[in-house]
Amino acid sequence: MTGKAAGHIDHASAQATPPHAGALNPDALEVAPGTQHEQLEGWIPQLASAEEIRVALEKAFDYRGDVTITRKDGSKIEGYLFDRRTGRTLAESSVRLYPKDSNQKLSISYADIAALAFTGRDTAAGKSWEAWMKKYAEKKAAGEKNIALKPEPLD
């Protein structure tokens, strides 16, 4: 019988795909750009519609500084927003924050929020890997020795 038998695999010519062939190249990941964060410090968004309220509070949740919430009754609360729970309506949605002057956790309904301001300093601003590498390269170029990874104080 000439030719190959049915079902026979010619191992010499068959190329097996290695199991890691689709994996990401770790060297390429090392130079991946960091996350771009919006400059929100000092921003006071307009809260005219339900969607604008939801978008602003979502940004406040991702913010690394304090925000000031003005309730519809006129009272203001400044603190760190650490959680949000979104429902179908503004009344069913709420944010939770640690007030600046207390260890107590407060929950505020989206429906009770009249205004929002990003009043606290963004504690992570300028502290990206790229910013650290730039400072490191400047120190190295200036001839500094014993350059080490040291966290900067948060104040």
Protein backbone atom coordinates (compact mmCIF):
# COMPACT_ATOMS: atom_id res chain seq x y z
CA MET A 1 0.00 0.00 0.00
CA THR A 2 1.46 3.29 -1.05
CA GLY A 3 0.71 6.48 0.81
CA LYS A 4 -0.31 6.92 4.40
CA ALA A 5 -2.84 4.79 6.20
CA ALA A 6 -6.02 6.53 7.32
CA GLY A 7 -5.67 7.98 10.80
CA HIS A 8 -1.87 7.83 10.75
CA ILE A 9 -0.12 10.98 11.98
CA ASP A 10 3.30 11.79 10.59
CA HIS A 11 4.96 13.07 13.77
CA ALA A 12 7.94 14.37 11.87
CA SER A 13 5.85 16.83 9.88
CA ALA A 14 3.14 17.61 12.47
CA GLN A 15 3.85 20.76 14.44
CA ALA A 16 2.33 20.75 17.91
CA THR A 17 1.26 24.13 19.22
CA PRO A 18 2.84 24.70 22.62
CA PRO A 19 0.27 25.29 25.40
CA HIS A 20 1.65 28.78 26.12
CA ALA A 21 1.56 29.96 22.49
CA GLY A 22 -1.38 32.32 23.10
CA ALA A 23 0.04 33.72 26.34
CA LEU A 24 1.01 37.37 26.64
CA ASN A 25 4.67 38.24 26.36
CA PRO A 26 5.80 39.21 29.91
CA ASP A 27 8.50 41.52 28.53
CA ALA A 28 5.85 43.48 26.64
CA LEU A 29 3.74 43.69 29.80
CA GLU A 30 6.63 45.26 31.72
CA VAL A 31 6.43 48.39 29.57
CA ALA A 32 2.65 48.62 29.44
CA PRO A 33 1.44 52.15 30.19
CA GLY A 34 -0.15 52.81 33.57
CA THR A 35 -3.75 53.74 34.13
CA GLN A 36 -4.60 57.30 33.18
CA HIS A 37 -6.52 59.05 35.94
CA GLU A 38 -8.57 62.13 35.33
CA GLN A 39 -7.58 65.33 37.13
CA LEU A 40 -10.64 65.60 39.38
CA GLU A 41 -9.19 67.58 42.27
CA GLY A 42 -11.20 70.80 42.62
CA TRP A 43 -13.91 69.67 40.16
CA ILE A 44 -17.53 70.54 40.95
CA PRO A 45 -19.73 68.61 38.53
CA GLN A 46 -23.17 69.80 37.48
CA LEU A 47 -25.78 67.40 38.87
CA ALA A 48 -28.78 68.26 36.74
CA SER A 49 -29.92 64.80 35.63
CA ALA A 50 -29.99 61.34 37.18
CA GLU A 51 -27.31 60.21 34.72
CA GLU A 52 -25.01 63.13 35.66
CA ILE A 53 -25.43 62.25 39.34
CA ARG A 54 -24.57 58.60 38.67
CA VAL A 55 -21.50 59.47 36.54
CA ALA A 56 -20.18 62.01 39.09
CA LEU A 57 -20.61 59.62 42.02
CA GLU A 58 -18.91 56.82 40.09
CA LYS A 59 -15.92 59.14 39.56
CA ALA A 60 -16.05 60.10 43.26
CA PHE A 61 -15.86 56.40 44.16
CA ASP A 62 -12.63 56.05 42.11
CA TYR A 63 -11.16 59.31 43.49
CA ARG A 64 -8.32 58.94 46.01
CA GLY A 65 -9.15 62.05 48.02
CA ASP A 66 -12.00 63.55 50.00
CA VAL A 67 -15.21 64.84 48.45
CA THR A 68 -17.80 67.22 49.85
CA ILE A 69 -21.44 66.23 49.44
CA THR A 70 -24.12 68.88 49.87
CA ARG A 71 -27.49 67.38 50.73
CA LYS A 72 -30.75 68.83 49.51
CA ASP A 73 -31.44 70.07 53.09
CA GLY A 74 -28.27 72.23 52.80
CA SER A 75 -26.04 70.20 55.15
CA LYS A 76 -22.51 69.38 53.94
CA ILE A 77 -20.42 66.31 54.62
CA GLU A 78 -16.75 66.07 53.69
CA GLY A 79 -15.08 62.67 53.67
CA TYR A 80 -13.72 59.71 51.77
CA LEU A 81 -16.28 57.92 49.61
CA PHE A 82 -15.47 54.20 49.90
CA ASP A 83 -18.59 52.46 48.56
CA ARG A 84 -21.60 52.97 46.34
CA ARG A 85 -24.65 50.86 45.75
CA THR A 86 -26.56 51.49 42.57
CA GLY A 87 -30.21 50.65 42.19
CA ARG A 88 -32.76 51.26 39.45
CA THR A 89 -33.61 54.73 40.77
CA LEU A 90 -31.70 57.46 42.61
CA ALA A 91 -33.74 56.71 45.76
CA GLU A 92 -32.61 53.06 45.59
CA SER A 93 -28.94 54.07 45.17
CA SER A 94 -26.57 55.25 47.88
CA VAL A 95 -22.97 56.13 48.65
CA ARG A 96 -21.08 55.35 51.83
CA LEU A 97 -18.32 57.53 53.18
CA TYR A 98 -16.07 58.08 56.15
CA PRO A 99 -16.63 61.68 57.30
CA LYS A 100 -13.40 63.65 57.70
CA ASP A 101 -14.15 64.41 61.36
CA SER A 102 -15.46 60.99 62.45
CA ASN A 103 -14.78 57.24 62.31
CA GLN A 104 -18.46 56.57 61.70
CA LYS A 105 -19.61 55.30 58.29
CA LEU A 106 -22.43 57.32 56.71
CA SER A 107 -24.82 56.24 53.98
CA ILE A 108 -26.40 58.90 51.76
CA SER A 109 -29.07 58.30 49.14
CA TYR A 110 -28.29 59.60 45.64
CA ALA A 111 -31.72 61.24 45.76
CA ASP A 112 -30.61 63.38 48.75
CA ILE A 113 -27.52 64.78 47.00
CA ALA A 114 -27.79 68.33 45.69
CA ALA A 115 -24.09 68.97 44.96
CA LEU A 116 -20.74 67.22 44.89
CA ALA A 117 -17.25 68.72 45.00
CA PHE A 118 -13.85 67.03 44.78
CA THR A 119 -12.34 69.06 47.63
CA GLY A 120 -9.58 66.87 49.04
CA ARG A 121 -6.09 66.44 47.66
CA ASP A 122 -5.76 63.45 45.35
CA THR A 123 -3.27 61.43 47.41
CA ALA A 124 -2.16 59.33 44.42
CA ALA A 125 -1.65 62.18 41.93
CA GLY A 126 1.80 62.09 40.39
CA LYS A 127 2.67 58.80 42.03
CA SER A 128 2.44 56.56 38.99
CA TRP A 129 5.17 54.11 38.06
CA GLU A 130 6.12 56.37 35.17
CA ALA A 131 6.55 59.36 37.52
CA TRP A 132 8.73 57.29 39.86
CA MET A 133 10.86 56.03 36.96
CA LYS A 134 11.37 59.61 35.73
CA LYS A 135 12.56 60.72 39.19
CA TYR A 136 14.78 57.64 39.45
CA ALA A 137 16.35 58.30 36.03
CA GLU A 138 16.98 61.96 36.97
CA LYS A 139 18.68 60.93 40.23
CA LYS A 140 20.76 58.28 38.45
CA ALA A 141 21.80 60.75 35.72
CA ALA A 142 22.85 63.22 38.44
CA GLY A 143 25.16 60.54 39.84
CA GLU A 144 23.24 59.77 43.03
CA LYS A 145 24.09 56.45 44.68
CA ASN A 146 22.00 54.10 46.84
CA ILE A 147 18.79 54.97 45.01
CA ALA A 148 16.06 52.75 46.46
CA LEU A 149 12.33 52.26 46.20
CA LYS A 150 10.87 54.27 49.07
CA PRO A 151 7.21 55.18 49.44
CA GLU A 152 6.41 58.86 49.64
CA PRO A 153 4.46 60.07 52.70
CA LEU A 154 0.71 60.46 52.20
CA ASP A 155 0.64 63.50 54.55
